[in-house]
């Protein structure tokens, strides 16, 4: 993260600027946009990325790669804990448990 500029404090969310690569594809097989950050930047629950620059528009049937700057905002400890708890309960909603009143024959 040598090119990242960090700002923030222990109380406020920590932010830093970095470069990112955006891969955009628009075709009959794929329609996606992926943002890749440098390998040394690891995203954690509650972190946010804001990519800077003009909106991207590509013609149908093409795939293009762009370089942009981005701001990464790290979640504070309380927000990170709240996100992890919410994710746990969201996952728990996917479980469906049923019990039979009688014996299985």
PDB file of N, CA and C in Angstrom:
ATOM      1  N   UNK A   1       0.817  -1.188   0.000  1.00  0.00           N
ATOM      2  CA  UNK A   1       0.000   0.000   0.000  1.00  0.00           C
ATOM      3  C   UNK A   1       0.859   1.250   0.000  1.00  0.00           C
ATOM      4  N   UNK A   2       1.980   1.200  -0.651  1.00  0.00           N
ATOM      5  CA  UNK A   2       2.885   2.341  -0.674  1.00  0.00           C
ATOM      6  C   UNK A   2       2.251   3.556  -1.324  1.00  0.00           C
ATOM      7  N   UNK A   3       1.361   3.341  -2.307  1.00  0.00           N
ATOM      8  CA  UNK A   3       0.747   4.474  -2.985  1.00  0.00           C
ATOM      9  C   UNK A   3      -0.566   4.905  -2.332  1.00  0.00           C
ATOM     10  N   UNK A   4      -0.969   4.246  -1.261  1.00  0.00           N
ATOM     11  CA  UNK A   4      -2.214   4.589  -0.586  1.00  0.00           C
ATOM     12  C   UNK A   4      -1.981   5.735   0.392  1.00  0.00           C
ATOM     13  N   UNK A   5      -2.931   6.642   0.464  1.00  0.00           N
ATOM     14  CA  UNK A   5      -2.868   7.765   1.378  1.00  0.00           C
ATOM     15  C   UNK A   5      -3.921   7.524   2.446  1.00  0.00           C
ATOM     16  N   UNK A   6      -3.492   7.320   3.694  1.00  0.00           N
ATOM     17  CA  UNK A   6      -4.423   6.999   4.773  1.00  0.00           C
ATOM     18  C   UNK A   6      -4.818   8.255   5.533  1.00  0.00           C
ATOM     19  N   UNK A   7      -6.078   8.300   5.960  1.00  0.00           N
ATOM     20  CA  UNK A   7      -6.537   9.358   6.842  1.00  0.00           C
ATOM     21  C   UNK A   7      -7.637   8.793   7.710  1.00  0.00           C
ATOM     22  N   UNK A   8      -7.828   9.374   8.881  1.00  0.00           N
ATOM     23  CA  UNK A   8      -8.846   8.903   9.805  1.00  0.00           C
ATOM     24  C   UNK A   8      -8.272   8.786  11.193  1.00  0.00           C
ATOM     25  N   UNK A   9      -9.076   8.304  12.122  1.00  0.00           N
ATOM     26  CA  UNK A   9      -8.633   8.143  13.495  1.00  0.00           C
ATOM     27  C   UNK A   9      -9.248   6.875  14.053  1.00  0.00           C
ATOM     28  N   UNK A  10      -8.969   6.600  15.316  1.00  0.00           N
ATOM     29  CA  UNK A  10      -9.507   5.399  15.946  1.00  0.00           C
ATOM     30  C   UNK A  10     -11.026   5.466  16.072  1.00  0.00           C
ATOM     31  N   UNK A  11     -11.582   6.683  16.182  1.00  0.00           N
ATOM     32  CA  UNK A  11     -13.023   6.845  16.344  1.00  0.00           C
ATOM     33  C   UNK A  11     -13.727   6.854  14.988  1.00  0.00           C
ATOM     34  N   UNK A  12     -13.199   7.599  14.029  1.00  0.00           N
ATOM     35  CA  UNK A  12     -13.817   7.726  12.716  1.00  0.00           C
ATOM     36  C   UNK A  12     -13.326   6.616  11.783  1.00  0.00           C
ATOM     37  N   UNK A  13     -14.095   6.396  10.740  1.00  0.00           N
ATOM     38  CA  UNK A  13     -13.715   5.397   9.746  1.00  0.00           C
ATOM     39  C   UNK A  13     -12.407   5.807   9.081  1.00  0.00           C
ATOM     40  N   UNK A  14     -11.541   4.845   8.845  1.00  0.00           N
ATOM     41  CA  UNK A  14     -10.261   5.112   8.200  1.00  0.00           C
ATOM     42  C   UNK A  14     -10.445   5.007   6.694  1.00  0.00           C
ATOM     43  N   UNK A  15      -9.942   5.991   5.979  1.00  0.00           N
ATOM     44  CA  UNK A  15     -10.043   6.007   4.523  1.00  0.00           C
ATOM     45  C   UNK A  15      -8.658   6.115   3.915  1.00  0.00           C
ATOM     46  N   UNK A  16      -8.515   5.540   2.714  1.00  0.00           N
ATOM     47  CA  UNK A  16      -7.279   5.741   1.959  1.00  0.00           C
ATOM     48  C   UNK A  16      -7.571   5.610   0.475  1.00  0.00           C
ATOM     49  N   UNK A  17      -6.740   6.246  -0.302  1.00  0.00           N
ATOM     50  CA  UNK A  17      -6.852   6.229  -1.760  1.00  0.00           C
ATOM     51  C   UNK A  17      -5.904   5.162  -2.307  1.00  0.00           C
ATOM     52  N   UNK A  18      -6.334   4.525  -3.397  1.00  0.00           N
ATOM     53  CA  UNK A  18      -5.498   3.535  -4.059  1.00  0.00           C
ATOM     54  C   UNK A  18      -5.919   3.436  -5.525  1.00  0.00           C
ATOM     55  N   UNK A  19      -5.172   2.715  -6.309  1.00  0.00           N
ATOM     56  CA  UNK A  19      -5.527   2.461  -7.710  1.00  0.00           C
ATOM     57  C   UNK A  19      -6.342   1.171  -7.768  1.00  0.00           C
ATOM     58  N   UNK A  20      -7.169   1.053  -8.788  1.00  0.00           N
ATOM     59  CA  UNK A  20      -7.927  -0.182  -8.988  1.00  0.00           C
ATOM     60  C   UNK A  20      -8.061  -0.455 -10.476  1.00  0.00           C
ATOM     61  N   UNK A  21      -8.360  -1.697 -10.798  1.00  0.00           N
ATOM     62  CA  UNK A  21      -8.588  -2.123 -12.172  1.00  0.00           C
ATOM     63  C   UNK A  21     -10.047  -2.546 -12.285  1.00  0.00           C
ATOM     64  N   UNK A  22     -10.726  -2.036 -13.304  1.00  0.00           N
ATOM     65  CA  UNK A  22     -12.129  -2.371 -13.530  1.00  0.00           C
ATOM     66  C   UNK A  22     -12.227  -3.127 -14.842  1.00  0.00           C
ATOM     67  N   UNK A  23     -12.809  -4.325 -14.792  1.00  0.00           N
ATOM     68  CA  UNK A  23     -13.041  -5.121 -15.997  1.00  0.00           C
ATOM     69  C   UNK A  23     -14.544  -5.121 -16.259  1.00  0.00           C
ATOM     70  N   UNK A  24     -14.930  -4.648 -17.432  1.00  0.00           N
ATOM     71  CA  UNK A  24     -16.344  -4.564 -17.804  1.00  0.00           C
ATOM     72  C   UNK A  24     -16.563  -5.405 -19.055  1.00  0.00           C
ATOM     73  N   UNK A  25     -17.592  -6.246 -19.018  1.00  0.00           N
ATOM     74  CA  UNK A  25     -17.931  -7.047 -20.196  1.00  0.00           C
ATOM     75  C   UNK A  25     -19.436  -6.981 -20.410  1.00  0.00           C
ATOM     76  N   UNK A  26     -19.816  -6.779 -21.669  1.00  0.00           N
ATOM     77  CA  UNK A  26     -21.228  -6.719 -22.038  1.00  0.00           C
ATOM     78  C   UNK A  26     -21.407  -7.506 -23.322  1.00  0.00           C
ATOM     79  N   UNK A  27     -21.945  -8.720 -23.170  1.00  0.00           N
ATOM     80  CA  UNK A  27     -22.168  -9.581 -24.333  1.00  0.00           C
ATOM     81  C   UNK A  27     -23.382 -10.460 -24.062  1.00  0.00           C
ATOM     82  N   UNK A  28     -23.714 -11.329 -25.010  1.00  0.00           N
ATOM     83  CA  UNK A  28     -24.855 -12.223 -24.796  1.00  0.00           C
ATOM     84  C   UNK A  28     -24.535 -13.283 -23.739  1.00  0.00           C
ATOM     85  N   UNK A  29     -23.241 -13.577 -23.507  1.00  0.00           N
ATOM     86  CA  UNK A  29     -22.839 -14.561 -22.497  1.00  0.00           C
ATOM     87  C   UNK A  29     -22.567 -13.937 -21.134  1.00  0.00           C
ATOM     88  N   UNK A  30     -22.063 -12.701 -21.106  1.00  0.00           N
ATOM     89  CA  UNK A  30     -21.654 -12.069 -19.849  1.00  0.00           C
ATOM     90  C   UNK A  30     -22.100 -10.619 -19.796  1.00  0.00           C
ATOM     91  N   UNK A  31     -22.489 -10.205 -18.600  1.00  0.00           N
ATOM     92  CA  UNK A  31     -22.797  -8.805 -18.339  1.00  0.00           C
ATOM     93  C   UNK A  31     -22.322  -8.530 -16.927  1.00  0.00           C
ATOM     94  N   UNK A  32     -21.122  -7.979 -16.783  1.00  0.00           N
ATOM     95  CA  UNK A  32     -20.566  -7.759 -15.455  1.00  0.00           C
ATOM     96  C   UNK A  32     -19.532  -6.637 -15.447  1.00  0.00           C
ATOM     97  N   UNK A  33     -19.268  -6.172 -14.231  1.00  0.00           N
ATOM     98  CA  UNK A  33     -18.181  -5.223 -13.973  1.00  0.00           C
ATOM     99  C   UNK A  33     -17.514  -5.674 -12.679  1.00  0.00           C
ATOM    100  N   UNK A  34     -16.216  -5.914 -12.727  1.00  0.00           N
ATOM    101  CA  UNK A  34     -15.455  -6.354 -11.556  1.00  0.00           C
ATOM    102  C   UNK A  34     -14.392  -5.323 -11.220  1.00  0.00           C
ATOM    103  N   UNK A  35     -14.275  -5.010  -9.940  1.00  0.00           N
ATOM    104  CA  UNK A  35     -13.240  -4.089  -9.461  1.00  0.00           C
ATOM    105  C   UNK A  35     -12.195  -4.909  -8.728  1.00  0.00           C
ATOM    106  N   UNK A  36     -10.945  -4.747  -9.121  1.00  0.00           N
ATOM    107  CA  UNK A  36      -9.838  -5.438  -8.452  1.00  0.00           C
ATOM    108  C   UNK A  36      -8.940  -4.407  -7.801  1.00  0.00           C
ATOM    109  N   UNK A  37      -8.685  -4.619  -6.514  1.00  0.00           N
ATOM    110  CA  UNK A  37      -7.771  -3.763  -5.763  1.00  0.00           C
ATOM    111  C   UNK A  37      -6.403  -4.433  -5.722  1.00  0.00           C
ATOM    112  N   UNK A  38      -5.360  -3.690  -5.375  1.00  0.00           N
ATOM    113  CA  UNK A  38      -4.047  -4.322  -5.240  1.00  0.00           C
ATOM    114  C   UNK A  38      -4.093  -5.484  -4.245  1.00  0.00           C
ATOM    115  N   UNK A  39      -3.260  -6.491  -4.469  1.00  0.00           N
ATOM    116  CA  UNK A  39      -3.278  -7.712  -3.650  1.00  0.00           C
ATOM    117  C   UNK A  39      -3.116  -7.454  -2.161  1.00  0.00           C
ATOM    118  N   UNK A  40      -2.360  -6.439  -1.780  1.00  0.00           N
ATOM    119  CA  UNK A  40      -2.098  -6.209  -0.357  1.00  0.00           C
ATOM    120  C   UNK A  40      -3.282  -5.587   0.379  1.00  0.00           C
ATOM    121  N   UNK A  41      -4.325  -5.196  -0.352  1.00  0.00           N
ATOM    122  CA  UNK A  41      -5.517  -4.635   0.282  1.00  0.00           C
ATOM    123  C   UNK A  41      -6.548  -5.745   0.418  1.00  0.00           C
ATOM    124  N   UNK A  42      -6.855  -6.100   1.653  1.00  0.00           N
ATOM    125  CA  UNK A  42      -7.824  -7.155   1.921  1.00  0.00           C
ATOM    126  C   UNK A  42      -9.103  -6.528   2.460  1.00  0.00           C
ATOM    127  N   UNK A  43     -10.211  -6.803   1.800  1.00  0.00           N
ATOM    128  CA  UNK A  43     -11.498  -6.267   2.234  1.00  0.00           C
ATOM    129  C   UNK A  43     -12.045  -7.121   3.366  1.00  0.00           C
ATOM    130  N   UNK A  44     -12.707  -6.462   4.323  1.00  0.00           N
ATOM    131  CA  UNK A  44     -13.307  -7.139   5.459  1.00  0.00           C
ATOM    132  C   UNK A  44     -14.766  -6.708   5.586  1.00  0.00           C
ATOM    133  N   UNK A  45     -15.574  -7.410   6.387  1.00  0.00           N
ATOM    134  CA  UNK A  45     -16.986  -7.060   6.521  1.00  0.00           C
ATOM    135  C   UNK A  45     -17.174  -5.580   6.900  1.00  0.00           C
ATOM    136  N   UNK A  46     -18.068  -4.912   6.176  1.00  0.00           N
ATOM    137  CA  UNK A  46     -18.378  -3.514   6.459  1.00  0.00           C
ATOM    138  C   UNK A  46     -17.536  -2.503   5.710  1.00  0.00           C
ATOM    139  N   UNK A  47     -16.439  -2.938   5.083  1.00  0.00           N
ATOM    140  CA  UNK A  47     -15.587  -2.017   4.313  1.00  0.00           C
ATOM    141  C   UNK A  47     -16.310  -1.596   3.044  1.00  0.00           C
ATOM    142  N   UNK A  48     -16.000  -0.397   2.554  1.00  0.00           N
ATOM    143  CA  UNK A  48     -16.623   0.122   1.337  1.00  0.00           C
ATOM    144  C   UNK A  48     -15.550   0.575   0.355  1.00  0.00           C
ATOM    145  N   UNK A  49     -15.878   0.490  -0.940  1.00  0.00           N
ATOM    146  CA  UNK A  49     -14.991   0.971  -2.001  1.00  0.00           C
ATOM    147  C   UNK A  49     -15.785   1.922  -2.879  1.00  0.00           C
ATOM    148  N   UNK A  50     -15.246   3.103  -3.112  1.00  0.00           N
ATOM    149  CA  UNK A  50     -15.866   4.052  -4.044  1.00  0.00           C
ATOM    150  C   UNK A  50     -14.871   4.303  -5.169  1.00  0.00           C
ATOM    151  N   UNK A  51     -15.286   3.944  -6.384  1.00  0.00           N
ATOM    152  CA  UNK A  51     -14.438   4.120  -7.563  1.00  0.00           C
ATOM    153  C   UNK A  51     -14.706   5.508  -8.135  1.00  0.00           C
ATOM    154  N   UNK A  52     -13.645   6.239  -8.462  1.00  0.00           N
ATOM    155  CA  UNK A  52     -13.761   7.604  -8.969  1.00  0.00           C
ATOM    156  C   UNK A  52     -13.644   7.628 -10.495  1.00  0.00           C
ATOM    157  N   UNK A  53     -14.247   8.624 -11.095  1.00  0.00           N
ATOM    158  CA  UNK A  53     -14.153   8.799 -12.541  1.00  0.00           C
ATOM    159  C   UNK A  53     -15.515   8.855 -13.191  1.00  0.00           C
ATOM    160  N   UNK A  54     -15.494   9.075 -14.485  1.00  0.00           N
ATOM    161  CA  UNK A  54     -16.717   9.158 -15.264  1.00  0.00           C
ATOM    162  C   UNK A  54     -17.392   7.791 -15.362  1.00  0.00           C
ATOM    163  N   UNK A  55     -18.712   7.770 -15.553  1.00  0.00           N
ATOM    164  CA  UNK A  55     -19.406   6.485 -15.758  1.00  0.00           C
ATOM    165  C   UNK A  55     -18.826   5.746 -16.970  1.00  0.00           C
ATOM    166  N   UNK A  56     -18.833   4.429 -16.882  1.00  0.00           N
ATOM    167  CA  UNK A  56     -18.276   3.597 -17.956  1.00  0.00           C
ATOM    168  C   UNK A  56     -19.412   3.073 -18.827  1.00  0.00           C
ATOM    169  N   UNK A  57     -19.240   3.203 -20.117  1.00  0.00           N
ATOM    170  CA  UNK A  57     -20.201   2.673 -21.077  1.00  0.00           C
ATOM    171  C   UNK A  57     -19.410   2.026 -22.212  1.00  0.00           C
ATOM    172  N   UNK A  58     -19.722   0.759 -22.501  1.00  0.00           N
ATOM    173  CA  UNK A  58     -19.019   0.060 -23.578  1.00  0.00           C
ATOM    174  C   UNK A  58     -20.047  -0.502 -24.555  1.00  0.00           C
ATOM    175  N   UNK A  59     -19.659  -0.701 -25.808  1.00  0.00           N
ATOM    176  CA  UNK A  59     -20.600  -1.250 -26.787  1.00  0.00           C
ATOM    177  C   UNK A  59     -20.890  -2.729 -26.517  1.00  0.00           C
ATOM    178  N   UNK A  60     -22.072  -3.171 -26.937  1.00  0.00           N
ATOM    179  CA  UNK A  60     -22.464  -4.567 -26.770  1.00  0.00           C
ATOM    180  C   UNK A  60     -21.481  -5.468 -27.515  1.00  0.00           C
ATOM    181  N   UNK A  61     -21.147  -6.593 -26.879  1.00  0.00           N
ATOM    182  CA  UNK A  61     -20.234  -7.551 -27.491  1.00  0.00           C
ATOM    183  C   UNK A  61     -18.775  -7.275 -27.207  1.00  0.00           C
ATOM    184  N   UNK A  62     -18.500  -6.378 -26.262  1.00  0.00           N
ATOM    185  CA  UNK A  62     -17.095  -6.054 -25.986  1.00  0.00           C
ATOM    186  C   UNK A  62     -16.745  -6.272 -24.518  1.00  0.00           C
ATOM    187  N   UNK A  63     -15.446  -6.283 -24.270  1.00  0.00           N
ATOM    188  CA  UNK A  63     -14.877  -6.423 -22.926  1.00  0.00           C
ATOM    189  C   UNK A  63     -13.727  -5.440 -22.847  1.00  0.00           C
ATOM    190  N   UNK A  64     -13.728  -4.581 -21.827  1.00  0.00           N
ATOM    191  CA  UNK A  64     -12.674  -3.579 -21.692  1.00  0.00           C
ATOM    192  C   UNK A  64     -12.189  -3.510 -20.253  1.00  0.00           C
ATOM    193  N   UNK A  65     -10.940  -3.059 -20.105  1.00  0.00           N
ATOM    194  CA  UNK A  65     -10.314  -2.918 -18.799  1.00  0.00           C
ATOM    195  C   UNK A  65      -9.930  -1.456 -18.607  1.00  0.00           C
ATOM    196  N   UNK A  66     -10.259  -0.913 -17.421  1.00  0.00           N
ATOM    197  CA  UNK A  66      -9.977   0.482 -17.104  1.00  0.00           C
ATOM    198  C   UNK A  66      -9.157   0.563 -15.825  1.00  0.00           C
ATOM    199  N   UNK A  67      -8.329   1.588 -15.725  1.00  0.00           N
ATOM    200  CA  UNK A  67      -7.583   1.884 -14.496  1.00  0.00           C
ATOM    201  C   UNK A  67      -8.196   3.141 -13.891  1.00  0.00           C
ATOM    202  N   UNK A  68      -8.526   3.087 -12.612  1.00  0.00           N
ATOM    203  CA  UNK A  68      -9.125   4.233 -11.922  1.00  0.00           C
ATOM    204  C   UNK A  68      -8.544   4.350 -10.520  1.00  0.00           C
ATOM    205  N   UNK A  69      -8.837   5.473  -9.886  1.00  0.00           N
ATOM    206  CA  UNK A  69      -8.509   5.613  -8.468  1.00  0.00           C
ATOM    207  C   UNK A  69      -9.757   5.258  -7.668  1.00  0.00           C
ATOM    208  N   UNK A  70      -9.552   4.840  -6.431  1.00  0.00           N
ATOM    209  CA  UNK A  70     -10.665   4.447  -5.575  1.00  0.00           C
ATOM    210  C   UNK A  70     -10.366   4.858  -4.140  1.00  0.00           C
ATOM    211  N   UNK A  71     -11.417   5.083  -3.377  1.00  0.00           N
ATOM    212  CA  UNK A  71     -11.306   5.345  -1.946  1.00  0.00           C
ATOM    213  C   UNK A  71     -11.841   4.128  -1.214  1.00  0.00           C
ATOM    214  N   UNK A  72     -11.016   3.562  -0.344  1.00  0.00           N
ATOM    215  CA  UNK A  72     -11.422   2.440   0.494  1.00  0.00           C
ATOM    216  C   UNK A  72     -11.700   2.999   1.881  1.00  0.00           C
ATOM    217  N   UNK A  73     -12.892   2.716   2.410  1.00  0.00           N
ATOM    218  CA  UNK A  73     -13.265   3.147   3.759  1.00  0.00           C
ATOM    219  C   UNK A  73     -13.394   1.906   4.619  1.00  0.00           C
ATOM    220  N   UNK A  74     -12.550   1.835   5.648  1.00  0.00           N
ATOM    221  CA  UNK A  74     -12.567   0.698   6.561  1.00  0.00           C
ATOM    222  C   UNK A  74     -13.669   0.872   7.599  1.00  0.00           C
ATOM    223  N   UNK A  75     -14.377  -0.187   7.893  1.00  0.00           N
ATOM    224  CA  UNK A  75     -15.407  -0.160   8.934  1.00  0.00           C
ATOM    225  C   UNK A  75     -14.725  -0.138  10.294  1.00  0.00           C
ATOM    226  N   UNK A  76     -15.339   0.570  11.231  1.00  0.00           N
ATOM    227  CA  UNK A  76     -14.840   0.579  12.606  1.00  0.00           C
ATOM    228  C   UNK A  76     -15.192  -0.729  13.297  1.00  0.00           C
ATOM    229  N   UNK A  77     -14.650  -0.966  14.477  1.00  0.00           N
ATOM    230  CA  UNK A  77     -14.885  -2.243  15.173  1.00  0.00           C
ATOM    231  C   UNK A  77     -16.363  -2.517  15.468  1.00  0.00           C
ATOM    232  N   UNK A  78     -17.126  -1.492  15.861  1.00  0.00           N
ATOM    233  CA  UNK A  78     -18.542  -1.714  16.165  1.00  0.00           C
ATOM    234  C   UNK A  78     -19.345  -2.029  14.915  1.00  0.00           C
ATOM    235  N   UNK A  79     -19.085  -1.318  13.841  1.00  0.00           N
ATOM    236  CA  UNK A  79     -19.797  -1.586  12.590  1.00  0.00           C
ATOM    237  C   UNK A  79     -19.439  -2.968  12.066  1.00  0.00           C
ATOM    238  N   UNK A  80     -18.169  -3.337  12.163  1.00  0.00           N
ATOM    239  CA  UNK A  80     -17.740  -4.656  11.694  1.00  0.00           C
ATOM    240  C   UNK A  80     -18.446  -5.762  12.487  1.00  0.00           C
ATOM    241  N   UNK A  81     -18.564  -5.574  13.797  1.00  0.00           N
ATOM    242  CA  UNK A  81     -19.250  -6.551  14.645  1.00  0.00           C
ATOM    243  C   UNK A  81     -20.731  -6.623  14.275  1.00  0.00           C
ATOM    244  N   UNK A  82     -21.363  -5.469  14.060  1.00  0.00           N
ATOM    245  CA  UNK A  82     -22.782  -5.446  13.689  1.00  0.00           C
ATOM    246  C   UNK A  82     -23.006  -6.148  12.350  1.00  0.00           C
ATOM    247  N   UNK A  83     -22.118  -5.929  11.387  1.00  0.00           N
ATOM    248  CA  UNK A  83     -22.243  -6.585  10.076  1.00  0.00           C
ATOM    249  C   UNK A  83     -22.095  -8.095  10.221  1.00  0.00           C
ATOM    250  N   UNK A  84     -21.130  -8.545  11.020  1.00  0.00           N
ATOM    251  CA  UNK A  84     -20.931  -9.988  11.213  1.00  0.00           C
ATOM    252  C   UNK A  84     -22.147 -10.629  11.879  1.00  0.00           C
ATOM    253  N   UNK A  85     -22.722  -9.942  12.885  1.00  0.00           N
ATOM    254  CA  UNK A  85     -23.917 -10.478  13.556  1.00  0.00           C
ATOM    255  C   UNK A  85     -25.096 -10.531  12.598  1.00  0.00           C
ATOM    256  N   UNK A  86     -25.314  -9.468  11.836  1.00  0.00           N
ATOM    257  CA  UNK A  86     -26.416  -9.438  10.875  1.00  0.00           C
ATOM    258  C   UNK A  86     -26.253 -10.541   9.840  1.00  0.00           C
ATOM    259  N   UNK A  87     -25.035 -10.755   9.372  1.00  0.00           N
ATOM    260  CA  UNK A  87     -24.780 -11.803   8.384  1.00  0.00           C
ATOM    261  C   UNK A  87     -25.077 -13.186   8.970  1.00  0.00           C
ATOM    262  N   UNK A  88     -24.725 -13.389  10.237  1.00  0.00           N
ATOM    263  CA  UNK A  88     -24.991 -14.672  10.885  1.00  0.00           C
ATOM    264  C   UNK A  88     -26.491 -14.941  10.939  1.00  0.00           C
ATOM    265  N   UNK A  89     -27.277 -13.928  11.346  1.00  0.00           N
ATOM    266  CA  UNK A  89     -28.717 -14.125  11.448  1.00  0.00           C
ATOM    267  C   UNK A  89     -29.378 -14.222  10.079  1.00  0.00           C
ATOM    268  N   UNK A  90     -28.832 -13.529   9.081  1.00  0.00           N
ATOM    269  CA  UNK A  90     -29.351 -13.683   7.725  1.00  0.00           C
ATOM    270  C   UNK A  90     -29.132 -15.104   7.231  1.00  0.00           C
ATOM    271  N   UNK A  91     -27.958 -15.661   7.541  1.00  0.00           N
ATOM    272  CA  UNK A  91     -27.674 -17.034   7.151  1.00  0.00           C
ATOM    273  C   UNK A  91     -28.589 -18.003   7.886  1.00  0.00           C
ATOM    274  N   UNK A  92     -28.829 -17.732   9.175  1.00  0.00           N
ATOM    275  CA  UNK A  92     -29.683 -18.614   9.975  1.00  0.00           C
ATOM    276  C   UNK A  92     -31.105 -18.672   9.425  1.00  0.00           C
ATOM    277  N   UNK A  93     -31.558 -17.596   8.764  1.00  0.00           N
ATOM    278  CA  UNK A  93     -32.896 -17.596   8.175  1.00  0.00           C
ATOM    279  C   UNK A  93     -33.017 -18.608   7.038  1.00  0.00           C
ATOM    280  N   UNK A  94     -31.890 -18.975   6.446  1.00  0.00           N
ATOM    281  CA  UNK A  94     -31.921 -19.928   5.343  1.00  0.00           C
ATOM    282  C   UNK A  94     -32.166 -21.360   5.821  1.00  0.00           C
ATOM    283  N   UNK A  95     -31.895 -21.604   7.101  1.00  0.00           N
ATOM    284  CA  UNK A  95     -32.105 -22.949   7.641  1.00  0.00           C
ATOM    285  C   UNK A  95     -33.588 -23.165   7.894  1.00  0.00           C
ATOM    286  N   UNK A  96     -34.076 -24.313   7.474  1.00  0.00           N
ATOM    287  CA  UNK A  96     -35.460 -24.658   7.787  1.00  0.00           C
ATOM    288  C   UNK A  96     -35.429 -25.986   8.521  1.00  0.00           C
ATOM    289  N   UNK A  97     -35.853 -25.961   9.748  1.00  0.00           N
ATOM    290  CA  UNK A  97     -35.834 -27.162  10.567  1.00  0.00           C
ATOM    291  C   UNK A  97     -37.275 -27.527  10.884  1.00  0.00           C
ATOM    292  N   UNK A  98     -37.608 -28.793  10.697  1.00  0.00           N
ATOM    293  CA  UNK A  98     -38.955 -29.234  11.060  1.00  0.00           C
ATOM    294  C   UNK A  98     -38.841 -30.488  11.928  1.00  0.00           C
ATOM    295  N   UNK A  99     -39.800 -30.625  12.786  1.00  0.00           N
ATOM    296  CA  UNK A  99     -39.839 -31.780  13.678  1.00  0.00           C
ATOM    297  C   UNK A  99     -41.173 -32.480  13.497  1.00  0.00           C
ATOM    298  N   UNK A 100     -41.130 -33.802  13.458  1.00  0.00           N
ATOM    299  CA  UNK A 100     -42.357 -34.588  13.391  1.00  0.00           C
ATOM    300  C   UNK A 100     -42.876 -34.809  14.793  1.00  0.00           C
ATOM    301  N   UNK A 101     -44.178 -34.747  14.931  1.00  0.00           N
ATOM    302  CA  UNK A 101     -44.775 -35.002  16.253  1.00  0.00           C
ATOM    303  C   UNK A 101     -44.689 -36.490  16.591  1.00  0.00           C
ATOM    304  N   UNK A 102     -44.717 -37.325  15.574  1.00  0.00           N
ATOM    305  CA  UNK A 102     -44.695 -38.774  15.823  1.00  0.00           C
ATOM    306  C   UNK A 102     -43.382 -39.390  15.386  1.00  0.00           C
ATOM    307  N   UNK A 103     -43.346 -40.688  15.453  1.00  0.00           N
ATOM    308  CA  UNK A 103     -42.161 -41.418  15.023  1.00  0.00           C
ATOM    309  C   UNK A 103     -42.158 -41.619  13.530  1.00  0.00           C
ATOM    310  N   UNK A 104     -40.987 -41.698  12.975  1.00  0.00           N
ATOM    311  CA  UNK A 104     -40.851 -42.005  11.557  1.00  0.00           C
ATOM    312  C   UNK A 104     -40.921 -43.503  11.411  1.00  0.00           C
ATOM    313  N   UNK A 105     -41.800 -44.008  10.538  1.00  0.00           N
ATOM    314  CA  UNK A 105     -41.985 -45.453  10.386  1.00  0.00           C
ATOM    315  C   UNK A 105     -41.356 -45.942   9.126  1.00  0.00           C
TER     316      UNK A 105
END
